[in-house]
Every structure is written in structure tokens, then in C-alpha cells.
Amino acid sequence: MPRGPKGEKRPADTNAAAVLVGKIATGDVEDVSPTPESEGKSAAAVELGRLGGKARAAGMSAKKRKEIAKKAAKARWR
């Protein structure tokens, strides 16, 4: 099933998606995006998670980053 930008479930069928948009527009259905707090996650942990990749890359040498990138590219094209 397709997911919206925040991971919410959306109908895969075009007609069903149009009906959902109509219901949201008329107020029959509330369009609520899940927040990290509503999913039981700490706001501080979410913020640190967003910084994780950059912090990890900053601590690595260029050679190690290159090795990881090559491994990822090989896995993608496998």
C-alpha cells in the first residue's frame, strides 16, 4: 500500500484516493499525520536520529566512506 510523505497509509486505487481526498476536504475524515510522540518515541531521540548519518560520516576517513559507498552501489546494482 502506498504511503504518504510521513509514512501514513493511503489507498493505492486512484478512485479510492479521490474519495479520501473528497472526505478530507469536506471534513468527514480528519487527516492526521502521526507524530514521533504519538508513536512512543522521544523527541530528543528523533532529533539525534536525524543527525546520526552526518555525525557518523564526519567521524570517518574518506577511504572508509568510499568503501561504504562502493558496497552500497554494488548492492543496489546487484
C-alpha atoms as a PDB file:
ATOM      1  CA  MET A   1       0.000   0.000   0.000  1.00  0.00           C
ATOM      2  CA  PRO A   2       1.361   3.460  -0.849  1.00  0.00           C
ATOM      3  CA  ARG A   3       2.462   5.688   1.954  1.00  0.00           C
ATOM      4  CA  GLY A   4       2.347   9.448   2.230  1.00  0.00           C
ATOM      5  CA  PRO A   5       5.342  11.636   2.992  1.00  0.00           C
ATOM      6  CA  LYS A   6       5.097  10.951   6.730  1.00  0.00           C
ATOM      7  CA  GLY A   7       4.539   7.189   6.330  1.00  0.00           C
ATOM      8  CA  GLU A   8       0.759   7.243   6.632  1.00  0.00           C
ATOM      9  CA  LYS A   9      -1.201   4.671   4.659  1.00  0.00           C
ATOM     10  CA  ARG A  10      -3.008   5.877   1.549  1.00  0.00           C
ATOM     11  CA  PRO A  11      -5.253   3.971  -0.869  1.00  0.00           C
ATOM     12  CA  ALA A  12      -3.485   2.510  -3.897  1.00  0.00           C
ATOM     13  CA  ASP A  13      -6.573   2.757  -6.104  1.00  0.00           C
ATOM     14  CA  THR A  14      -6.982   6.119  -7.864  1.00  0.00           C
ATOM     15  CA  ASN A  15     -10.726   6.257  -7.241  1.00  0.00           C
ATOM     16  CA  ALA A  16     -10.328   5.382  -3.565  1.00  0.00           C
ATOM     17  CA  ALA A  17      -7.673   8.070  -3.211  1.00  0.00           C
ATOM     18  CA  ALA A  18     -10.011  10.617  -4.814  1.00  0.00           C
ATOM     19  CA  VAL A  19     -12.789   9.640  -2.414  1.00  0.00           C
ATOM     20  CA  LEU A  20     -10.424  10.044   0.537  1.00  0.00           C
ATOM     21  CA  VAL A  21      -9.345  13.492  -0.676  1.00  0.00           C
ATOM     22  CA  GLY A  22     -13.003  14.475  -1.017  1.00  0.00           C
ATOM     23  CA  LYS A  23     -13.794  13.265   2.502  1.00  0.00           C
ATOM     24  CA  ILE A  24     -10.815  15.176   3.901  1.00  0.00           C
ATOM     25  CA  ALA A  25     -11.889  18.320   2.023  1.00  0.00           C
ATOM     26  CA  THR A  26     -15.461  18.133   3.340  1.00  0.00           C
ATOM     27  CA  GLY A  27     -14.354  17.330   6.880  1.00  0.00           C
ATOM     28  CA  ASP A  28     -15.828  13.813   7.027  1.00  0.00           C
ATOM     29  CA  VAL A  29     -12.384  12.349   7.742  1.00  0.00           C
ATOM     30  CA  GLU A  30      -9.608  14.014   9.703  1.00  0.00           C
ATOM     31  CA  ASP A  31      -6.224  13.931   8.005  1.00  0.00           C
ATOM     32  CA  VAL A  32      -3.859  13.328  10.906  1.00  0.00           C
ATOM     33  CA  SER A  33      -0.135  12.802  10.492  1.00  0.00           C
ATOM     34  CA  PRO A  34       1.465  10.658  13.187  1.00  0.00           C
ATOM     35  CA  THR A  35       3.988  12.497  15.325  1.00  0.00           C
ATOM     36  CA  PRO A  36       7.015  10.809  16.891  1.00  0.00           C
ATOM     37  CA  GLU A  37       5.494  11.443  20.330  1.00  0.00           C
ATOM     38  CA  SER A  38       2.233   9.702  19.352  1.00  0.00           C
ATOM     39  CA  GLU A  39       4.283   6.703  18.222  1.00  0.00           C
ATOM     40  CA  GLY A  40       6.000   6.479  21.610  1.00  0.00           C
ATOM     41  CA  LYS A  41       9.326   7.994  20.572  1.00  0.00           C
ATOM     42  CA  SER A  42      11.261  10.617  22.480  1.00  0.00           C
ATOM     43  CA  ALA A  43      11.594  13.964  20.691  1.00  0.00           C
ATOM     44  CA  ALA A  44      15.272  14.114  21.680  1.00  0.00           C
ATOM     45  CA  ALA A  45      15.900  10.654  20.227  1.00  0.00           C
ATOM     46  CA  VAL A  46      14.202  11.625  16.970  1.00  0.00           C
ATOM     47  CA  GLU A  47      16.342  14.757  16.713  1.00  0.00           C
ATOM     48  CA  LEU A  48      19.537  12.787  17.355  1.00  0.00           C
ATOM     49  CA  GLY A  49      18.459  10.221  14.762  1.00  0.00           C
ATOM     50  CA  ARG A  50      18.215  12.936  12.144  1.00  0.00           C
ATOM     51  CA  LEU A  51      21.803  13.955  12.873  1.00  0.00           C
ATOM     52  CA  GLY A  52      23.154  10.402  13.014  1.00  0.00           C
ATOM     53  CA  GLY A  53      24.258   9.927   9.411  1.00  0.00           C
ATOM     54  CA  LYS A  54      26.053  13.254   9.227  1.00  0.00           C
ATOM     55  CA  ALA A  55      27.790  12.690  12.552  1.00  0.00           C
ATOM     56  CA  ARG A  56      28.833   9.187  11.504  1.00  0.00           C
ATOM     57  CA  ALA A  57      30.216  10.443   8.183  1.00  0.00           C
ATOM     58  CA  ALA A  58      32.117  13.256   9.890  1.00  0.00           C
ATOM     59  CA  GLY A  59      33.910  10.746  12.095  1.00  0.00           C
ATOM     60  CA  MET A  60      35.054   8.531   9.215  1.00  0.00           C
ATOM     61  CA  SER A  61      38.004   8.853   6.935  1.00  0.00           C
ATOM     62  CA  ALA A  62      37.440   9.496   3.236  1.00  0.00           C
ATOM     63  CA  LYS A  63      38.741   5.997   2.465  1.00  0.00           C
ATOM     64  CA  LYS A  64      36.186   4.347   4.779  1.00  0.00           C
ATOM     65  CA  ARG A  65      33.320   6.441   3.320  1.00  0.00           C
ATOM     66  CA  LYS A  66      34.407   5.425  -0.176  1.00  0.00           C
ATOM     67  CA  GLU A  67      34.413   1.730   0.784  1.00  0.00           C
ATOM     68  CA  ILE A  68      30.906   2.007   2.234  1.00  0.00           C
ATOM     69  CA  ALA A  69      29.665   3.854  -0.875  1.00  0.00           C
ATOM     70  CA  LYS A  70      31.113   1.188  -3.180  1.00  0.00           C
ATOM     71  CA  LYS A  71      29.477  -1.574  -1.143  1.00  0.00           C
ATOM     72  CA  ALA A  72      26.115   0.227  -1.275  1.00  0.00           C
ATOM     73  CA  ALA A  73      26.373   0.791  -5.035  1.00  0.00           C
ATOM     74  CA  LYS A  74      27.226  -2.880  -5.590  1.00  0.00           C
ATOM     75  CA  ALA A  75      24.198  -3.932  -3.519  1.00  0.00           C
ATOM     76  CA  ARG A  76      21.922  -1.547  -5.459  1.00  0.00           C
ATOM     77  CA  TRP A  77      23.017  -2.819  -8.856  1.00  0.00           C
ATOM     78  CA  ARG A  78      23.014  -6.486  -7.870  1.00  0.00           C
END
